[in-house]
Amino acid sequence: QVQLVESGGGLVQAGGSLRLSCAASGSIFSLNDMRWYRQPPGKQRELVASITKGGSLNYADSVKGRFTISRDNAKNTVYLQMNSLSPEDTAVYYCYAEDSTPWYSQIQYWGQGTQVTVSS
């Protein structure tokens, strides 16, 4: 079992920055994809950014040029640097990780979510 613990959320004014962290712990085999999703109030959860173990990146169009995802494989931690925040970025942000088992299956894990609120 793997636990994902997010931190770094909070209240920030428009134009400000926040850095989210998500640390994985527990019985980890090999973390492959790590992602950040978000769920704005009254809307569906959406993918924000992803990073593979090898460092391949993917971003939602709405955050390109403003958000940067990174990871520290030695610490089993993924980060999301969020700059130039706008009220439209207000959401609960969730960390996601895929653990590759020795028997060639993927186990998916989710964090509990961290609230990001951007005031205008």
Protein backbone atom coordinates (compact mmCIF):
# COMPACT_ATOMS: atom_id res chain seq x y z
CA GLN A 1 0.00 0.00 0.00
CA VAL A 2 1.21 3.47 -0.90
CA GLN A 3 0.17 6.71 0.75
CA LEU A 4 0.28 10.05 -1.04
CA VAL A 5 0.38 13.15 1.13
CA GLU A 6 -0.06 16.55 -0.49
CA SER A 7 0.98 19.87 0.98
CA GLY A 8 1.40 23.48 -0.08
CA GLY A 9 -2.14 24.53 -0.84
CA GLY A 10 -3.69 27.68 0.52
CA LEU A 11 -5.08 31.11 -0.26
CA VAL A 12 -3.21 33.41 -2.64
CA GLN A 13 -4.01 36.58 -4.53
CA ALA A 14 -4.32 36.61 -8.30
CA GLY A 15 -0.90 36.80 -9.91
CA GLY A 16 0.72 34.99 -7.02
CA SER A 17 2.47 31.64 -6.78
CA LEU A 18 2.17 28.42 -4.85
CA ARG A 19 4.18 25.22 -4.82
CA LEU A 20 2.43 21.95 -4.18
CA SER A 21 4.27 18.85 -3.00
CA CYS A 22 3.15 15.23 -2.92
CA ALA A 23 5.24 12.69 -1.07
CA ALA A 24 4.68 8.97 -1.59
CA SER A 25 5.44 6.52 1.18
CA GLY A 26 4.75 2.92 2.10
CA SER A 27 5.35 -0.27 0.15
CA ILE A 28 6.51 1.26 -3.12
CA PHE A 29 7.68 -0.92 -5.98
CA SER A 30 8.51 1.59 -8.72
CA LEU A 31 6.55 4.78 -9.24
CA ASN A 32 5.94 5.44 -12.91
CA ASP A 33 3.55 8.21 -13.91
CA MET A 34 2.92 10.91 -11.32
CA ARG A 35 0.24 13.47 -12.02
CA TRP A 36 -1.63 16.43 -10.63
CA TYR A 37 -5.38 16.70 -11.17
CA ARG A 38 -7.73 19.40 -9.98
CA GLN A 39 -11.44 19.68 -9.37
CA PRO A 40 -12.91 23.19 -9.45
CA PRO A 41 -16.12 23.81 -7.50
CA GLY A 42 -19.07 22.21 -9.26
CA LYS A 43 -16.93 20.78 -12.06
CA GLN A 44 -15.34 17.48 -12.96
CA ARG A 45 -11.82 16.50 -12.06
CA GLU A 46 -9.31 17.37 -14.79
CA LEU A 47 -5.69 16.54 -15.51
CA VAL A 48 -3.34 19.44 -14.86
CA ALA A 49 0.09 17.95 -15.51
CA SER A 50 1.92 14.66 -15.60
CA ILE A 51 5.50 13.45 -15.48
CA THR A 52 6.90 10.00 -16.17
CA LYS A 53 9.74 8.39 -14.26
CA GLY A 54 12.01 9.31 -17.15
CA GLY A 55 10.93 12.94 -17.05
CA SER A 56 8.49 13.23 -19.96
CA LEU A 57 6.06 16.05 -19.32
CA ASN A 58 2.50 16.82 -20.28
CA TYR A 59 0.38 19.86 -19.40
CA ALA A 60 -3.20 20.96 -19.81
CA ASP A 61 -3.46 23.86 -22.24
CA SER A 62 -4.90 26.06 -19.53
CA VAL A 63 -1.72 25.90 -17.43
CA LYS A 64 1.03 25.75 -20.06
CA GLY A 65 3.64 28.41 -19.45
CA ARG A 66 2.42 29.02 -15.89
CA PHE A 67 2.73 25.66 -14.09
CA THR A 68 5.76 23.41 -13.89
CA ILE A 69 5.68 19.79 -12.76
CA SER A 70 8.82 18.11 -11.47
CA ARG A 71 9.77 15.11 -9.38
CA ASP A 72 12.52 13.80 -7.16
CA ASN A 73 12.68 10.06 -7.72
CA ALA A 74 14.99 9.54 -4.76
CA LYS A 75 12.39 11.12 -2.48
CA ASN A 76 9.34 9.69 -4.29
CA THR A 77 7.97 13.20 -4.43
CA VAL A 78 6.27 15.20 -7.17
CA TYR A 79 5.94 18.97 -7.19
CA LEU A 80 3.74 21.48 -8.96
CA GLN A 81 5.04 25.04 -9.17
CA MET A 82 2.11 27.31 -9.98
CA ASN A 83 2.81 30.87 -11.11
CA SER A 84 0.59 33.68 -12.37
CA LEU A 85 -2.38 32.17 -10.59
CA SER A 86 -5.88 33.33 -11.49
CA PRO A 87 -9.25 32.76 -9.79
CA GLU A 88 -9.94 30.12 -12.47
CA ASP A 89 -7.21 28.00 -10.88
CA THR A 90 -9.23 27.69 -7.68
CA ALA A 91 -9.80 23.99 -7.07
CA VAL A 92 -8.94 21.01 -4.93
CA TYR A 93 -5.68 19.65 -6.29
CA TYR A 94 -5.08 15.91 -6.17
CA CYS A 95 -1.87 13.95 -6.54
CA TYR A 96 -1.95 10.67 -8.47
CA ALA A 97 0.70 7.98 -8.83
CA GLU A 98 1.06 4.67 -10.63
CA ASP A 99 3.12 1.97 -8.97
CA SER A 100 4.55 -0.67 -11.30
CA THR A 101 4.60 -4.08 -9.64
CA PRO A 102 7.10 -6.88 -10.40
CA TRP A 103 4.24 -8.86 -11.96
CA TYR A 104 3.67 -6.21 -14.64
CA SER A 105 0.57 -4.57 -13.26
CA GLN A 106 -0.07 -0.94 -12.36
CA ILE A 107 -1.60 0.10 -9.05
CA GLN A 108 -3.16 3.57 -8.94
CA TYR A 109 -3.09 5.77 -5.88
CA TRP A 110 -4.67 9.12 -5.07
CA GLY A 111 -3.87 11.71 -2.45
CA GLN A 112 -6.49 13.27 -0.22
CA GLY A 113 -6.42 16.61 -2.03
CA THR A 114 -5.28 20.08 -1.09
CA GLN A 115 -7.34 23.24 -1.53
CA VAL A 116 -5.99 26.08 -3.66
CA THR A 117 -7.98 29.30 -3.56
CA VAL A 118 -7.05 32.29 -5.69
CA SER A 119 -8.69 35.59 -4.80
CA SER A 120 -9.23 38.35 -7.34
